[in-house]
Amino acid sequence: MFATSGGSGLGKTVSDLKPCVAESASFVAEKLMNRITDTEIQNYVDRWKFLM
């Protein structure tokens, strides 16, 4: 998961989403994407493509 602001964080996001996905789904650490460059976003996405 990722966030686009440093506001209140993700709170109960994981617990709210768990019923909406397969039991085999897993959640990974969130990433704050505030003031991030296009290159950093692309590197982040590419990293997850590698892990899939």
PDB file of N, CA and C in Angstrom:
ATOM      1  N   MET A   1       0.836  -1.172   0.000  1.00  0.00           N
ATOM      2  CA  MET A   1       0.000   0.000   0.000  1.00  0.00           C
ATOM      3  C   MET A   1       0.878   1.231   0.000  1.00  0.00           C
ATOM      4  N   PHE A   2       0.322   2.317  -0.444  1.00  0.00           N
ATOM      5  CA  PHE A   2       1.056   3.564  -0.395  1.00  0.00           C
ATOM      6  C   PHE A   2       0.112   4.705  -0.061  1.00  0.00           C
ATOM      7  N   ALA A   3       0.681   5.774   0.422  1.00  0.00           N
ATOM      8  CA  ALA A   3      -0.084   6.963   0.762  1.00  0.00           C
ATOM      9  C   ALA A   3       0.497   8.146   0.017  1.00  0.00           C
ATOM     10  N   THR A   4      -0.333   9.152  -0.232  1.00  0.00           N
ATOM     11  CA  THR A   4       0.148  10.325  -0.948  1.00  0.00           C
ATOM     12  C   THR A   4       0.263  11.554  -0.052  1.00  0.00           C
ATOM     13  N   SER A   5      -0.017  11.412   1.220  1.00  0.00           N
ATOM     14  CA  SER A   5       0.184  12.535   2.138  1.00  0.00           C
ATOM     15  C   SER A   5       0.588  11.992   3.494  1.00  0.00           C
ATOM     16  N   GLY A   6       1.160  12.837   4.311  1.00  0.00           N
ATOM     17  CA  GLY A   6       1.606  12.413   5.633  1.00  0.00           C
ATOM     18  C   GLY A   6       0.557  12.636   6.693  1.00  0.00           C
ATOM     19  N   GLY A   7      -0.669  12.895   6.300  1.00  0.00           N
ATOM     20  CA  GLY A   7      -1.758  13.200   7.217  1.00  0.00           C
ATOM     21  C   GLY A   7      -1.925  12.211   8.352  1.00  0.00           C
ATOM     22  N   SER A   8      -3.017  11.535   8.361  1.00  0.00           N
ATOM     23  CA  SER A   8      -3.351  10.664   9.486  1.00  0.00           C
ATOM     24  C   SER A   8      -2.844   9.238   9.326  1.00  0.00           C
ATOM     25  N   GLY A   9      -2.123   8.956   8.281  1.00  0.00           N
ATOM     26  CA  GLY A   9      -1.647   7.590   8.072  1.00  0.00           C
ATOM     27  C   GLY A   9      -2.744   6.712   7.490  1.00  0.00           C
ATOM     28  N   LEU A  10      -2.503   5.424   7.514  1.00  0.00           N
ATOM     29  CA  LEU A  10      -3.463   4.501   6.907  1.00  0.00           C
ATOM     30  C   LEU A  10      -4.431   3.902   7.925  1.00  0.00           C
ATOM     31  N   GLY A  11      -4.199   4.144   9.188  1.00  0.00           N
ATOM     32  CA  GLY A  11      -5.151   3.718  10.213  1.00  0.00           C
ATOM     33  C   GLY A  11      -5.592   2.278  10.097  1.00  0.00           C
ATOM     34  N   LYS A  12      -6.887   2.075   9.870  1.00  0.00           N
ATOM     35  CA  LYS A  12      -7.471   0.738   9.806  1.00  0.00           C
ATOM     36  C   LYS A  12      -7.587   0.224   8.380  1.00  0.00           C
ATOM     37  N   THR A  13      -6.835   0.794   7.471  1.00  0.00           N
ATOM     38  CA  THR A  13      -6.966   0.425   6.063  1.00  0.00           C
ATOM     39  C   THR A  13      -6.805  -1.074   5.837  1.00  0.00           C
ATOM     40  N   VAL A  14      -5.780  -1.666   6.413  1.00  0.00           N
ATOM     41  CA  VAL A  14      -5.546  -3.098   6.206  1.00  0.00           C
ATOM     42  C   VAL A  14      -6.720  -3.912   6.733  1.00  0.00           C
ATOM     43  N   SER A  15      -7.155  -3.640   7.942  1.00  0.00           N
ATOM     44  CA  SER A  15      -8.264  -4.424   8.505  1.00  0.00           C
ATOM     45  C   SER A  15      -9.557  -4.191   7.717  1.00  0.00           C
ATOM     46  N   ASP A  16      -9.746  -3.001   7.157  1.00  0.00           N
ATOM     47  CA  ASP A  16     -10.929  -2.733   6.338  1.00  0.00           C
ATOM     48  C   ASP A  16     -10.858  -3.432   4.986  1.00  0.00           C
ATOM     49  N   LEU A  17      -9.656  -3.586   4.435  1.00  0.00           N
ATOM     50  CA  LEU A  17      -9.507  -4.204   3.115  1.00  0.00           C
ATOM     51  C   LEU A  17      -9.482  -5.728   3.147  1.00  0.00           C
ATOM     52  N   LYS A  18      -9.026  -6.304   4.246  1.00  0.00           N
ATOM     53  CA  LYS A  18      -8.873  -7.764   4.311  1.00  0.00           C
ATOM     54  C   LYS A  18     -10.127  -8.526   3.889  1.00  0.00           C
ATOM     55  N   PRO A  19     -11.337  -8.129   4.303  1.00  0.00           N
ATOM     56  CA  PRO A  19     -12.525  -8.872   3.873  1.00  0.00           C
ATOM     57  C   PRO A  19     -12.800  -8.768   2.373  1.00  0.00           C
ATOM     58  N   CYS A  20     -12.159  -7.849   1.684  1.00  0.00           N
ATOM     59  CA  CYS A  20     -12.418  -7.602   0.263  1.00  0.00           C
ATOM     60  C   CYS A  20     -11.481  -8.357  -0.672  1.00  0.00           C
ATOM     61  N   VAL A  21     -10.501  -9.050  -0.111  1.00  0.00           N
ATOM     62  CA  VAL A  21      -9.516  -9.742  -0.945  1.00  0.00           C
ATOM     63  C   VAL A  21      -9.452 -11.220  -0.560  1.00  0.00           C
ATOM     64  N   ALA A  22      -8.807 -11.990  -1.399  1.00  0.00           N
ATOM     65  CA  ALA A  22      -8.650 -13.427  -1.126  1.00  0.00           C
ATOM     66  C   ALA A  22      -7.884 -13.646   0.171  1.00  0.00           C
ATOM     67  N   GLU A  23      -8.177 -14.742   0.844  1.00  0.00           N
ATOM     68  CA  GLU A  23      -7.474 -15.058   2.093  1.00  0.00           C
ATOM     69  C   GLU A  23      -5.975 -15.203   1.878  1.00  0.00           C
ATOM     70  N   SER A  24      -5.584 -15.571   0.672  1.00  0.00           N
ATOM     71  CA  SER A  24      -4.158 -15.758   0.386  1.00  0.00           C
ATOM     72  C   SER A  24      -3.430 -14.427   0.150  1.00  0.00           C
ATOM     73  N   ALA A  25      -4.174 -13.332   0.043  1.00  0.00           N
ATOM     74  CA  ALA A  25      -3.551 -12.023  -0.183  1.00  0.00           C
ATOM     75  C   ALA A  25      -2.752 -11.600   1.046  1.00  0.00           C
ATOM     76  N   SER A  26      -1.665 -10.911   0.795  1.00  0.00           N
ATOM     77  CA  SER A  26      -0.878 -10.393   1.914  1.00  0.00           C
ATOM     78  C   SER A  26      -0.654  -8.906   1.703  1.00  0.00           C
ATOM     79  N   PHE A  27      -0.505  -8.214   2.790  1.00  0.00           N
ATOM     80  CA  PHE A  27      -0.274  -6.778   2.751  1.00  0.00           C
ATOM     81  C   PHE A  27       1.175  -6.520   3.139  1.00  0.00           C
ATOM     82  N   VAL A  28       1.783  -5.569   2.475  1.00  0.00           N
ATOM     83  CA  VAL A  28       3.176  -5.228   2.765  1.00  0.00           C
ATOM     84  C   VAL A  28       3.239  -3.814   3.337  1.00  0.00           C
ATOM     85  N   ALA A  29       4.396  -3.463   3.847  1.00  0.00           N
ATOM     86  CA  ALA A  29       4.570  -2.154   4.474  1.00  0.00           C
ATOM     87  C   ALA A  29       4.147  -1.032   3.535  1.00  0.00           C
ATOM     88  N   GLU A  30       3.555  -0.044   4.111  1.00  0.00           N
ATOM     89  CA  GLU A  30       3.118   1.105   3.325  1.00  0.00           C
ATOM     90  C   GLU A  30       4.295   1.978   2.946  1.00  0.00           C
ATOM     91  N   LYS A  31       4.096   2.808   1.938  1.00  0.00           N
ATOM     92  CA  LYS A  31       5.148   3.721   1.499  1.00  0.00           C
ATOM     93  C   LYS A  31       4.539   5.103   1.329  1.00  0.00           C
ATOM     94  N   LEU A  32       5.128   6.081   1.970  1.00  0.00           N
ATOM     95  CA  LEU A  32       4.695   7.462   1.826  1.00  0.00           C
ATOM     96  C   LEU A  32       5.261   8.014   0.528  1.00  0.00           C
ATOM     97  N   MET A  33       4.379   8.445  -0.373  1.00  0.00           N
ATOM     98  CA  MET A  33       4.810   8.968  -1.668  1.00  0.00           C
ATOM     99  C   MET A  33       4.497  10.453  -1.742  1.00  0.00           C
ATOM    100  N   ASN A  34       5.090  11.190  -0.841  1.00  0.00           N
ATOM    101  CA  ASN A  34       4.912  12.628  -0.779  1.00  0.00           C
ATOM    102  C   ASN A  34       6.207  13.264  -1.262  1.00  0.00           C
ATOM    103  N   ARG A  35       6.112  14.114  -2.257  1.00  0.00           N
ATOM    104  CA  ARG A  35       7.302  14.742  -2.866  1.00  0.00           C
ATOM    105  C   ARG A  35       8.242  13.692  -3.463  1.00  0.00           C
ATOM    106  N   ILE A  36       7.686  12.767  -4.205  1.00  0.00           N
ATOM    107  CA  ILE A  36       8.463  11.695  -4.813  1.00  0.00           C
ATOM    108  C   ILE A  36       8.556  11.971  -6.323  1.00  0.00           C
ATOM    109  N   THR A  37       9.676  11.644  -6.906  1.00  0.00           N
ATOM    110  CA  THR A  37       9.877  11.904  -8.335  1.00  0.00           C
ATOM    111  C   THR A  37       9.269  10.796  -9.187  1.00  0.00           C
ATOM    112  N   ASP A  38       9.069  11.091 -10.452  1.00  0.00           N
ATOM    113  CA  ASP A  38       8.565  10.077 -11.389  1.00  0.00           C
ATOM    114  C   ASP A  38       9.483   8.863 -11.423  1.00  0.00           C
ATOM    115  N   THR A  39      10.784   9.099 -11.373  1.00  0.00           N
ATOM    116  CA  THR A  39      11.758   8.005 -11.390  1.00  0.00           C
ATOM    117  C   THR A  39      11.617   7.124 -10.153  1.00  0.00           C
ATOM    118  N   GLU A  40      11.436   7.746  -8.985  1.00  0.00           N
ATOM    119  CA  GLU A  40      11.264   6.968  -7.757  1.00  0.00           C
ATOM    120  C   GLU A  40       9.990   6.127  -7.813  1.00  0.00           C
ATOM    121  N   ILE A  41       8.918   6.690  -8.373  1.00  0.00           N
ATOM    122  CA  ILE A  41       7.673   5.929  -8.524  1.00  0.00           C
ATOM    123  C   ILE A  41       7.905   4.744  -9.459  1.00  0.00           C
ATOM    124  N   GLN A  42       8.567   4.992 -10.581  1.00  0.00           N
ATOM    125  CA  GLN A  42       8.821   3.917 -11.537  1.00  0.00           C
ATOM    126  C   GLN A  42       9.670   2.819 -10.909  1.00  0.00           C
ATOM    127  N   ASN A  43      10.694   3.186 -10.158  1.00  0.00           N
ATOM    128  CA  ASN A  43      11.535   2.193  -9.482  1.00  0.00           C
ATOM    129  C   ASN A  43      10.719   1.378  -8.489  1.00  0.00           C
ATOM    130  N   TYR A  44       9.817   2.026  -7.768  1.00  0.00           N
ATOM    131  CA  TYR A  44       8.953   1.340  -6.802  1.00  0.00           C
ATOM    132  C   TYR A  44       8.051   0.330  -7.517  1.00  0.00           C
ATOM    133  N   VAL A  45       7.429   0.759  -8.612  1.00  0.00           N
ATOM    134  CA  VAL A  45       6.550  -0.131  -9.384  1.00  0.00           C
ATOM    135  C   VAL A  45       7.354  -1.281  -9.982  1.00  0.00           C
ATOM    136  N   ASP A  46       8.504  -0.983 -10.542  1.00  0.00           N
ATOM    137  CA  ASP A  46       9.339  -2.030 -11.144  1.00  0.00           C
ATOM    138  C   ASP A  46       9.765  -3.071 -10.115  1.00  0.00           C
ATOM    139  N   ARG A  47      10.027  -2.628  -8.895  1.00  0.00           N
ATOM    140  CA  ARG A  47      10.417  -3.566  -7.836  1.00  0.00           C
ATOM    141  C   ARG A  47       9.294  -4.565  -7.574  1.00  0.00           C
ATOM    142  N   TRP A  48       8.064  -4.099  -7.565  1.00  0.00           N
ATOM    143  CA  TRP A  48       6.940  -5.004  -7.309  1.00  0.00           C
ATOM    144  C   TRP A  48       6.681  -5.918  -8.492  1.00  0.00           C
ATOM    145  N   LYS A  49       6.921  -5.452  -9.708  1.00  0.00           N
ATOM    146  CA  LYS A  49       6.790  -6.321 -10.880  1.00  0.00           C
ATOM    147  C   LYS A  49       7.752  -7.493 -10.764  1.00  0.00           C
ATOM    148  N   PHE A  50       8.965  -7.228 -10.266  1.00  0.00           N
ATOM    149  CA  PHE A  50       9.983  -8.262 -10.094  1.00  0.00           C
ATOM    150  C   PHE A  50       9.536  -9.308  -9.075  1.00  0.00           C
ATOM    151  N   LEU A  51       8.841  -8.873  -8.042  1.00  0.00           N
ATOM    152  CA  LEU A  51       8.421  -9.792  -6.971  1.00  0.00           C
ATOM    153  C   LEU A  51       7.194 -10.595  -7.321  1.00  0.00           C
ATOM    154  N   MET A  52       6.497 -10.231  -8.399  1.00  0.00           N
ATOM    155  CA  MET A  52       5.245 -10.919  -8.738  1.00  0.00           C
ATOM    156  C   MET A  52       5.469 -12.203  -9.447  1.00  0.00           C
TER     157      MET A  52
END
